[in-house]
Amino acid sequence: MKKSVRPLLPNQERAFALLFWLAVWQITALVIGQKILLVTPLEALRCFLVMLPQLAFWARVIFSTLRILAGFGLAVLGAFLLAALARSHRMLAALIELPLQAIKATPVASFIILALLWVSSRQLSVLISFFMALPILYSAVQTGLDAADPALLEMAQVFRMGLCARIRAIWLPGLLPAFRRGCSVALGICWKSGIAAEVIGLPGGSMGEALYRAKITLSTAEVFAWSIAIVLLSAVLERLFMALLAAAEQHIVGIKEESQC
């Protein structure tokens, strides 16, 4: 009898994929043999661990994180406000969606260069993160609002249900799943565009500036170390935010089920 091969679990598959690409990176770096072009994963990790306990490293992390998250937070508020306005009148929806489509089609670098004419380099990542996340979150909010059950909305109108009760029992259960997916995408875009803005604008004390300085001094290991820091920070904060949204969604669904009993 042939023995069936036991499939890998999702976490095991991810671990295998990670080890595979680290091995490819290691072999490629050894074949090239020039640290100025490509360092090994161990050298990049060693440089990252050297930076990790330094106060200057954490000062840069805090500087960039606060500004990128501020841009994301403003985009969340803007998305809900614009979605509410768009649903109040069809003409307003057309006026709102046209510039948002233009933002989505415009290269990030073009926005960064234009934004440097409007704001200082220290606030550049806030503005860029806001603009890049806004169309994604607006679309997510609109999708979530469209998911609301029309029958429930009609019933709420008949029974003159209050606005807060409607939001909690009808709008939020349909909105949160789409909003959570939109936030997952928007957070990643915020980090990419925000760091790109810092690399171009070079605000003092930012992660983007450190990345650029490492590049012009040909410190390849430091370039990879800062890249590792950015990827890890983005992933950890996204996981935390998604967990909070998931908990909120479960809480809202629980309230809805209790109200239906």
C-alpha atoms as a PDB file:
ATOM      1  CA  MET A   1       0.000   0.000   0.000  1.00  0.00           C
ATOM      2  CA  LYS A   2       1.159   3.482  -0.856  1.00  0.00           C
ATOM      3  CA  LYS A   3       1.589   5.822   2.082  1.00  0.00           C
ATOM      4  CA  SER A   4      -0.276   9.076   1.650  1.00  0.00           C
ATOM      5  CA  VAL A   5       1.816  12.200   2.034  1.00  0.00           C
ATOM      6  CA  ARG A   6       0.580  14.267   4.930  1.00  0.00           C
ATOM      7  CA  PRO A   7      -0.138  17.820   3.751  1.00  0.00           C
ATOM      8  CA  LEU A   8       1.586  20.680   5.488  1.00  0.00           C
ATOM      9  CA  LEU A   9      -0.401  22.965   7.744  1.00  0.00           C
ATOM     10  CA  PRO A  10      -0.730  26.629   6.641  1.00  0.00           C
ATOM     11  CA  ASN A  11       1.857  27.783   9.208  1.00  0.00           C
ATOM     12  CA  GLN A  12       4.233  25.024   8.120  1.00  0.00           C
ATOM     13  CA  GLU A  13       3.790  26.055   4.483  1.00  0.00           C
ATOM     14  CA  ARG A  14       4.640  29.662   5.342  1.00  0.00           C
ATOM     15  CA  ALA A  15       7.689  28.570   7.324  1.00  0.00           C
ATOM     16  CA  PHE A  16       8.857  26.372   4.455  1.00  0.00           C
ATOM     17  CA  ALA A  17       8.362  29.213   1.945  1.00  0.00           C
ATOM     18  CA  LEU A  18      10.297  31.599   4.207  1.00  0.00           C
ATOM     19  CA  LEU A  19      13.192  29.174   4.619  1.00  0.00           C
ATOM     20  CA  PHE A  20      13.234  28.478   0.884  1.00  0.00           C
ATOM     21  CA  TRP A  21      13.538  32.151  -0.080  1.00  0.00           C
ATOM     22  CA  LEU A  22      16.088  32.833   2.651  1.00  0.00           C
ATOM     23  CA  ALA A  23      18.156  29.989   1.207  1.00  0.00           C
ATOM     24  CA  VAL A  24      17.813  31.494  -2.288  1.00  0.00           C
ATOM     25  CA  TRP A  25      18.898  34.869  -0.902  1.00  0.00           C
ATOM     26  CA  GLN A  26      21.878  33.283   0.887  1.00  0.00           C
ATOM     27  CA  ILE A  27      23.035  31.356  -2.171  1.00  0.00           C
ATOM     28  CA  THR A  28      22.588  34.364  -4.481  1.00  0.00           C
ATOM     29  CA  ALA A  29      24.631  36.597  -2.146  1.00  0.00           C
ATOM     30  CA  LEU A  30      27.406  33.999  -1.944  1.00  0.00           C
ATOM     31  CA  VAL A  31      27.468  33.557  -5.733  1.00  0.00           C
ATOM     32  CA  ILE A  32      27.649  37.324  -6.351  1.00  0.00           C
ATOM     33  CA  GLY A  33      30.292  37.666  -3.661  1.00  0.00           C
ATOM     34  CA  GLN A  34      30.077  41.468  -3.421  1.00  0.00           C
ATOM     35  CA  LYS A  35      28.615  42.872  -0.207  1.00  0.00           C
ATOM     36  CA  ILE A  36      28.129  46.258  -1.807  1.00  0.00           C
ATOM     37  CA  LEU A  37      25.517  44.670  -4.094  1.00  0.00           C
ATOM     38  CA  LEU A  38      23.927  42.043  -1.870  1.00  0.00           C
ATOM     39  CA  VAL A  39      24.594  40.914   1.686  1.00  0.00           C
ATOM     40  CA  THR A  40      23.550  37.575   3.157  1.00  0.00           C
ATOM     41  CA  PRO A  41      20.448  37.261   5.374  1.00  0.00           C
ATOM     42  CA  LEU A  42      22.673  36.685   8.416  1.00  0.00           C
ATOM     43  CA  GLU A  43      24.605  39.903   7.769  1.00  0.00           C
ATOM     44  CA  ALA A  44      21.359  41.856   7.366  1.00  0.00           C
ATOM     45  CA  LEU A  45      19.959  40.312  10.557  1.00  0.00           C
ATOM     46  CA  ARG A  46      23.182  41.050  12.441  1.00  0.00           C
ATOM     47  CA  CYS A  47      23.014  44.714  11.410  1.00  0.00           C
ATOM     48  CA  PHE A  48      19.340  44.862  12.441  1.00  0.00           C
ATOM     49  CA  LEU A  49      20.122  43.409  15.869  1.00  0.00           C
ATOM     50  CA  VAL A  50      22.919  45.971  16.328  1.00  0.00           C
ATOM     51  CA  MET A  51      20.469  48.816  15.584  1.00  0.00           C
ATOM     52  CA  LEU A  52      17.645  47.388  17.711  1.00  0.00           C
ATOM     53  CA  PRO A  53      18.804  48.520  21.210  1.00  0.00           C
ATOM     54  CA  GLN A  54      19.837  52.008  20.050  1.00  0.00           C
ATOM     55  CA  LEU A  55      17.714  54.963  21.172  1.00  0.00           C
ATOM     56  CA  ALA A  56      18.216  56.671  17.805  1.00  0.00           C
ATOM     57  CA  PHE A  57      16.627  53.661  16.097  1.00  0.00           C
ATOM     58  CA  TRP A  58      13.496  53.838  18.261  1.00  0.00           C
ATOM     59  CA  ALA A  59      13.291  57.617  17.877  1.00  0.00           C
ATOM     60  CA  ARG A  60      13.109  57.143  14.102  1.00  0.00           C
ATOM     61  CA  VAL A  61      10.568  54.335  14.480  1.00  0.00           C
ATOM     62  CA  ILE A  62       8.309  56.527  16.633  1.00  0.00           C
ATOM     63  CA  PHE A  63       8.706  59.520  14.285  1.00  0.00           C
ATOM     64  CA  SER A  64       7.639  57.569  11.194  1.00  0.00           C
ATOM     65  CA  THR A  65       4.996  55.405  12.867  1.00  0.00           C
ATOM     66  CA  LEU A  66       3.107  58.323  14.403  1.00  0.00           C
ATOM     67  CA  ARG A  67       2.947  60.198  11.110  1.00  0.00           C
ATOM     68  CA  ILE A  68       1.962  57.213   8.976  1.00  0.00           C
ATOM     69  CA  LEU A  69      -0.732  56.143  11.447  1.00  0.00           C
ATOM     70  CA  ALA A  70      -1.965  59.752  11.614  1.00  0.00           C
ATOM     71  CA  GLY A  71      -2.399  59.717   7.843  1.00  0.00           C
ATOM     72  CA  PHE A  72      -4.245  56.394   8.065  1.00  0.00           C
ATOM     73  CA  GLY A  73      -6.513  57.681  10.849  1.00  0.00           C
ATOM     74  CA  LEU A  74      -7.387  60.803   8.865  1.00  0.00           C
ATOM     75  CA  ALA A  75      -8.121  58.612   5.836  1.00  0.00           C
ATOM     76  CA  VAL A  76     -10.540  56.508   7.926  1.00  0.00           C
ATOM     77  CA  LEU A  77     -12.392  59.630   9.076  1.00  0.00           C
ATOM     78  CA  GLY A  78     -12.368  61.070   5.559  1.00  0.00           C
ATOM     79  CA  ALA A  79     -13.676  57.833   4.047  1.00  0.00           C
ATOM     80  CA  PHE A  80     -16.682  57.705   6.385  1.00  0.00           C
ATOM     81  CA  LEU A  81     -17.434  61.400   5.903  1.00  0.00           C
ATOM     82  CA  LEU A  82     -17.222  61.216   2.102  1.00  0.00           C
ATOM     83  CA  ALA A  83     -19.252  57.992   1.988  1.00  0.00           C
ATOM     84  CA  ALA A  84     -22.005  59.631   4.053  1.00  0.00           C
ATOM     85  CA  LEU A  85     -22.027  62.652   1.733  1.00  0.00           C
ATOM     86  CA  ALA A  86     -22.007  60.442  -1.371  1.00  0.00           C
ATOM     87  CA  ARG A  87     -25.060  58.522  -0.164  1.00  0.00           C
ATOM     88  CA  SER A  88     -26.996  61.698   0.520  1.00  0.00           C
ATOM     89  CA  HIS A  89     -27.117  62.740  -3.159  1.00  0.00           C
ATOM     90  CA  ARG A  90     -26.133  61.102  -6.442  1.00  0.00           C
ATOM     91  CA  MET A  91     -24.488  64.276  -7.758  1.00  0.00           C
ATOM     92  CA  LEU A  92     -22.308  64.498  -4.654  1.00  0.00           C
ATOM     93  CA  ALA A  93     -21.258  60.881  -5.229  1.00  0.00           C
ATOM     94  CA  ALA A  94     -20.087  61.733  -8.760  1.00  0.00           C
ATOM     95  CA  LEU A  95     -18.199  64.804  -7.526  1.00  0.00           C
ATOM     96  CA  ILE A  96     -16.447  62.758  -4.825  1.00  0.00           C
ATOM     97  CA  GLU A  97     -15.591  59.667  -6.866  1.00  0.00           C
ATOM     98  CA  LEU A  98     -13.920  61.505  -9.765  1.00  0.00           C
ATOM     99  CA  PRO A  99     -10.990  62.974  -7.754  1.00  0.00           C
ATOM    100  CA  LEU A 100     -10.627  59.693  -5.822  1.00  0.00           C
ATOM    101  CA  GLN A 101     -10.254  57.809  -9.104  1.00  0.00           C
ATOM    102  CA  ALA A 102      -7.660  60.381 -10.185  1.00  0.00           C
ATOM    103  CA  ILE A 103      -5.746  59.809  -6.940  1.00  0.00           C
ATOM    104  CA  LYS A 104      -5.737  56.036  -7.524  1.00  0.00           C
ATOM    105  CA  ALA A 105      -4.398  56.518 -11.059  1.00  0.00           C
ATOM    106  CA  THR A 106      -1.646  59.000 -10.108  1.00  0.00           C
ATOM    107  CA  PRO A 107       1.837  57.579  -9.334  1.00  0.00           C
ATOM    108  CA  VAL A 108       2.900  57.931  -5.705  1.00  0.00           C
ATOM    109  CA  ALA A 109       6.111  59.728  -6.697  1.00  0.00           C
ATOM    110  CA  SER A 110       4.105  62.439  -8.483  1.00  0.00           C
ATOM    111  CA  PHE A 111       2.011  63.035  -5.374  1.00  0.00           C
ATOM    112  CA  ILE A 112       5.087  63.216  -3.188  1.00  0.00           C
ATOM    113  CA  ILE A 113       6.742  65.839  -5.387  1.00  0.00           C
ATOM    114  CA  LEU A 114       3.529  67.897  -5.533  1.00  0.00           C
ATOM    115  CA  ALA A 115       2.964  67.561  -1.794  1.00  0.00           C
ATOM    116  CA  LEU A 116       6.436  68.966  -1.107  1.00  0.00           C
ATOM    117  CA  LEU A 117       5.099  72.247  -2.534  1.00  0.00           C
ATOM    118  CA  TRP A 118       2.277  72.284   0.023  1.00  0.00           C
ATOM    119  CA  VAL A 119       3.707  70.929   3.282  1.00  0.00           C
ATOM    120  CA  SER A 120       7.043  70.617   5.037  1.00  0.00           C
ATOM    121  CA  SER A 121       9.003  67.407   4.675  1.00  0.00           C
ATOM    122  CA  ARG A 122       8.289  66.554   8.346  1.00  0.00           C
ATOM    123  CA  GLN A 123       4.545  66.291   7.634  1.00  0.00           C
ATOM    124  CA  LEU A 124       4.893  64.833   4.154  1.00  0.00           C
ATOM    125  CA  SER A 125       4.305  61.202   5.148  1.00  0.00           C
ATOM    126  CA  VAL A 126       1.042  62.181   6.897  1.00  0.00           C
ATOM    127  CA  LEU A 127      -0.358  63.751   3.740  1.00  0.00           C
ATOM    128  CA  ILE A 128       0.844  61.004   1.402  1.00  0.00           C
ATOM    129  CA  SER A 129      -0.458  58.196   3.628  1.00  0.00           C
ATOM    130  CA  PHE A 130      -3.797  59.989   3.813  1.00  0.00           C
ATOM    131  CA  PHE A 131      -4.139  60.410   0.052  1.00  0.00           C
ATOM    132  CA  MET A 132      -3.041  56.858  -0.785  1.00  0.00           C
ATOM    133  CA  ALA A 133      -5.352  55.206   1.767  1.00  0.00           C
ATOM    134  CA  LEU A 134      -8.438  57.393   1.220  1.00  0.00           C
ATOM    135  CA  PRO A 135      -9.694  55.873  -2.087  1.00  0.00           C
ATOM    136  CA  ILE A 136      -9.234  52.318  -0.771  1.00  0.00           C
ATOM    137  CA  LEU A 137     -11.081  52.990   2.477  1.00  0.00           C
ATOM    138  CA  TYR A 138     -13.827  54.976   0.737  1.00  0.00           C
ATOM    139  CA  SER A 139     -14.479  52.052  -1.598  1.00  0.00           C
ATOM    140  CA  ALA A 140     -14.488  49.628   1.351  1.00  0.00           C
ATOM    141  CA  VAL A 141     -16.982  51.753   3.303  1.00  0.00           C
ATOM    142  CA  GLN A 142     -19.273  52.052   0.289  1.00  0.00           C
ATOM    143  CA  THR A 143     -19.137  48.284  -0.260  1.00  0.00           C
ATOM    144  CA  GLY A 144     -19.976  47.699   3.393  1.00  0.00           C
ATOM    145  CA  LEU A 145     -22.883  50.142   3.342  1.00  0.00           C
ATOM    146  CA  ASP A 146     -24.265  48.461   0.216  1.00  0.00           C
ATOM    147  CA  ALA A 147     -24.236  45.153   2.120  1.00  0.00           C
ATOM    148  CA  ALA A 148     -26.861  46.389   4.591  1.00  0.00           C
ATOM    149  CA  ASP A 149     -30.121  44.414   4.348  1.00  0.00           C
ATOM    150  CA  PRO A 150     -32.784  46.596   2.604  1.00  0.00           C
ATOM    151  CA  ALA A 151     -35.574  44.723   4.390  1.00  0.00           C
ATOM    152  CA  LEU A 152     -34.067  45.563   7.778  1.00  0.00           C
ATOM    153  CA  LEU A 153     -33.645  49.199   6.764  1.00  0.00           C
ATOM    154  CA  GLU A 154     -37.275  49.378   5.694  1.00  0.00           C
ATOM    155  CA  MET A 155     -38.386  47.748   8.939  1.00  0.00           C
ATOM    156  CA  ALA A 156     -36.272  50.204  10.934  1.00  0.00           C
ATOM    157  CA  GLN A 157     -37.963  53.084   9.128  1.00  0.00           C
ATOM    158  CA  VAL A 158     -41.433  51.673   9.778  1.00  0.00           C
ATOM    159  CA  PHE A 159     -40.746  51.226  13.490  1.00  0.00           C
ATOM    160  CA  ARG A 160     -38.913  54.580  13.671  1.00  0.00           C
ATOM    161  CA  MET A 161     -35.738  53.061  15.026  1.00  0.00           C
ATOM    162  CA  GLY A 162     -33.218  55.619  16.271  1.00  0.00           C
ATOM    163  CA  LEU A 163     -30.061  56.418  14.346  1.00  0.00           C
ATOM    164  CA  CYS A 164     -27.729  54.850  16.930  1.00  0.00           C
ATOM    165  CA  ALA A 165     -29.785  51.656  16.985  1.00  0.00           C
ATOM    166  CA  ARG A 166     -29.763  51.494  13.179  1.00  0.00           C
ATOM    167  CA  ILE A 167     -26.000  51.923  13.035  1.00  0.00           C
ATOM    168  CA  ARG A 168     -25.383  49.260  15.689  1.00  0.00           C
ATOM    169  CA  ALA A 169     -27.927  46.682  14.520  1.00  0.00           C
ATOM    170  CA  ILE A 170     -28.010  47.145  10.718  1.00  0.00           C
ATOM    171  CA  TRP A 171     -25.151  49.199   9.303  1.00  0.00           C
ATOM    172  CA  LEU A 172     -22.161  47.968  11.318  1.00  0.00           C
ATOM    173  CA  PRO A 173     -22.680  44.196  10.835  1.00  0.00           C
ATOM    174  CA  GLY A 174     -22.606  44.694   7.072  1.00  0.00           C
ATOM    175  CA  LEU A 175     -19.942  47.383   7.108  1.00  0.00           C
ATOM    176  CA  LEU A 176     -17.237  45.863   9.308  1.00  0.00           C
ATOM    177  CA  PRO A 177     -16.211  42.843   7.138  1.00  0.00           C
ATOM    178  CA  ALA A 178     -15.631  45.035   4.059  1.00  0.00           C
ATOM    179  CA  PHE A 179     -14.015  47.755   6.152  1.00  0.00           C
ATOM    180  CA  ARG A 180     -11.640  45.229   7.735  1.00  0.00           C
ATOM    181  CA  ARG A 181     -10.503  44.011   4.304  1.00  0.00           C
ATOM    182  CA  GLY A 182     -10.043  47.591   3.134  1.00  0.00           C
ATOM    183  CA  CYS A 183      -7.990  48.471   6.218  1.00  0.00           C
ATOM    184  CA  SER A 184      -5.696  45.493   5.631  1.00  0.00           C
ATOM    185  CA  VAL A 185      -4.860  46.800   2.152  1.00  0.00           C
ATOM    186  CA  ALA A 186      -4.784  50.477   3.147  1.00  0.00           C
ATOM    187  CA  LEU A 187      -2.373  49.955   6.049  1.00  0.00           C
ATOM    188  CA  GLY A 188       0.146  48.281   3.763  1.00  0.00           C
ATOM    189  CA  ILE A 189      -0.222  51.088   1.221  1.00  0.00           C
ATOM    190  CA  CYS A 190       0.233  53.683   3.981  1.00  0.00           C
ATOM    191  CA  TRP A 191       3.558  52.182   5.047  1.00  0.00           C
ATOM    192  CA  LYS A 192       4.877  51.850   1.497  1.00  0.00           C
ATOM    193  CA  SER A 193       3.853  55.353   0.430  1.00  0.00           C
ATOM    194  CA  GLY A 194       4.760  56.960   3.763  1.00  0.00           C
ATOM    195  CA  ILE A 195       8.300  55.564   3.757  1.00  0.00           C
ATOM    196  CA  ALA A 196       8.655  56.468   0.060  1.00  0.00           C
ATOM    197  CA  ALA A 197       7.673  60.037   0.971  1.00  0.00           C
ATOM    198  CA  GLU A 198      10.358  60.113   3.662  1.00  0.00           C
ATOM    199  CA  VAL A 199      12.986  58.752   1.270  1.00  0.00           C
ATOM    200  CA  ILE A 200      12.223  61.587  -1.158  1.00  0.00           C
ATOM    201  CA  GLY A 201      11.472  64.373   1.334  1.00  0.00           C
ATOM    202  CA  LEU A 202      14.253  63.363   3.791  1.00  0.00           C
ATOM    203  CA  PRO A 203      12.681  64.674   7.037  1.00  0.00           C
ATOM    204  CA  GLY A 204      15.276  64.577   9.811  1.00  0.00           C
ATOM    205  CA  GLY A 205      14.867  61.718  12.279  1.00  0.00           C
ATOM    206  CA  SER A 206      12.724  59.499  10.043  1.00  0.00           C
ATOM    207  CA  MET A 207      13.146  55.877   8.965  1.00  0.00           C
ATOM    208  CA  GLY A 208      13.034  56.915   5.314  1.00  0.00           C
ATOM    209  CA  GLU A 209      15.923  59.325   5.812  1.00  0.00           C
ATOM    210  CA  ALA A 210      17.975  56.586   7.498  1.00  0.00           C
ATOM    211  CA  LEU A 211      17.228  54.252   4.595  1.00  0.00           C
ATOM    212  CA  TYR A 212      18.360  56.866   2.071  1.00  0.00           C
ATOM    213  CA  ARG A 213      21.530  57.710   4.043  1.00  0.00           C
ATOM    214  CA  ALA A 214      22.428  54.018   4.153  1.00  0.00           C
ATOM    215  CA  LYS A 215      21.955  53.813   0.393  1.00  0.00           C
ATOM    216  CA  ILE A 216      24.158  56.785  -0.512  1.00  0.00           C
ATOM    217  CA  THR A 217      26.914  55.573   1.832  1.00  0.00           C
ATOM    218  CA  LEU A 218      26.708  52.119   0.185  1.00  0.00           C
ATOM    219  CA  SER A 219      25.883  50.464   3.539  1.00  0.00           C
ATOM    220  CA  THR A 220      23.958  47.615   1.960  1.00  0.00           C
ATOM    221  CA  ALA A 221      23.561  45.683   5.221  1.00  0.00           C
ATOM    222  CA  GLU A 222      22.001  48.762   6.821  1.00  0.00           C
ATOM    223  CA  VAL A 223      19.636  49.199   3.865  1.00  0.00           C
ATOM    224  CA  PHE A 224      18.411  45.631   4.385  1.00  0.00           C
ATOM    225  CA  ALA A 225      18.274  46.125   8.169  1.00  0.00           C
ATOM    226  CA  TRP A 226      16.014  49.173   7.845  1.00  0.00           C
ATOM    227  CA  SER A 227      13.904  47.301   5.287  1.00  0.00           C
ATOM    228  CA  ILE A 228      13.489  44.446   7.782  1.00  0.00           C
ATOM    229  CA  ALA A 229      12.461  46.941  10.471  1.00  0.00           C
ATOM    230  CA  ILE A 230       9.859  48.542   8.192  1.00  0.00           C
ATOM    231  CA  VAL A 231       8.384  45.192   7.114  1.00  0.00           C
ATOM    232  CA  LEU A 232       8.208  43.870  10.691  1.00  0.00           C
ATOM    233  CA  LEU A 233       6.692  47.080  12.033  1.00  0.00           C
ATOM    234  CA  SER A 234       4.088  47.180   9.275  1.00  0.00           C
ATOM    235  CA  ALA A 235       3.157  43.520   9.788  1.00  0.00           C
ATOM    236  CA  VAL A 236       2.903  43.768  13.596  1.00  0.00           C
ATOM    237  CA  LEU A 237       0.780  46.930  13.579  1.00  0.00           C
ATOM    238  CA  GLU A 238      -1.480  45.513  10.864  1.00  0.00           C
ATOM    239  CA  ARG A 239      -2.003  42.305  12.878  1.00  0.00           C
ATOM    240  CA  LEU A 240      -2.851  44.316  16.004  1.00  0.00           C
ATOM    241  CA  PHE A 241      -5.300  46.564  14.180  1.00  0.00           C
ATOM    242  CA  MET A 242      -6.952  43.632  12.396  1.00  0.00           C
ATOM    243  CA  ALA A 243      -7.329  41.812  15.719  1.00  0.00           C
ATOM    244  CA  LEU A 244      -9.044  44.858  17.230  1.00  0.00           C
ATOM    245  CA  LEU A 245     -11.412  45.118  14.263  1.00  0.00           C
ATOM    246  CA  ALA A 246     -12.168  41.393  14.416  1.00  0.00           C
ATOM    247  CA  ALA A 247     -12.986  41.690  18.128  1.00  0.00           C
ATOM    248  CA  ALA A 248     -15.226  44.681  17.419  1.00  0.00           C
ATOM    249  CA  GLU A 249     -16.968  42.759  14.634  1.00  0.00           C
ATOM    250  CA  GLN A 250     -17.650  39.779  16.910  1.00  0.00           C
ATOM    251  CA  HIS A 251     -18.989  42.124  19.595  1.00  0.00           C
ATOM    252  CA  ILE A 252     -21.323  43.852  17.120  1.00  0.00           C
ATOM    253  CA  VAL A 253     -22.553  40.529  15.719  1.00  0.00           C
ATOM    254  CA  GLY A 254     -23.198  39.324  19.271  1.00  0.00           C
ATOM    255  CA  ILE A 255     -25.276  42.427  20.015  1.00  0.00           C
ATOM    256  CA  LYS A 256     -27.232  41.909  16.786  1.00  0.00           C
ATOM    257  CA  GLU A 257     -27.972  38.265  17.614  1.00  0.00           C
ATOM    258  CA  GLU A 258     -29.137  39.218  21.118  1.00  0.00           C
ATOM    259  CA  SER A 259     -31.444  41.885  19.712  1.00  0.00           C
ATOM    260  CA  GLN A 260     -32.991  39.353  17.308  1.00  0.00           C
ATOM    261  CA  CYS A 261     -33.678  36.818  20.081  1.00  0.00           C
END
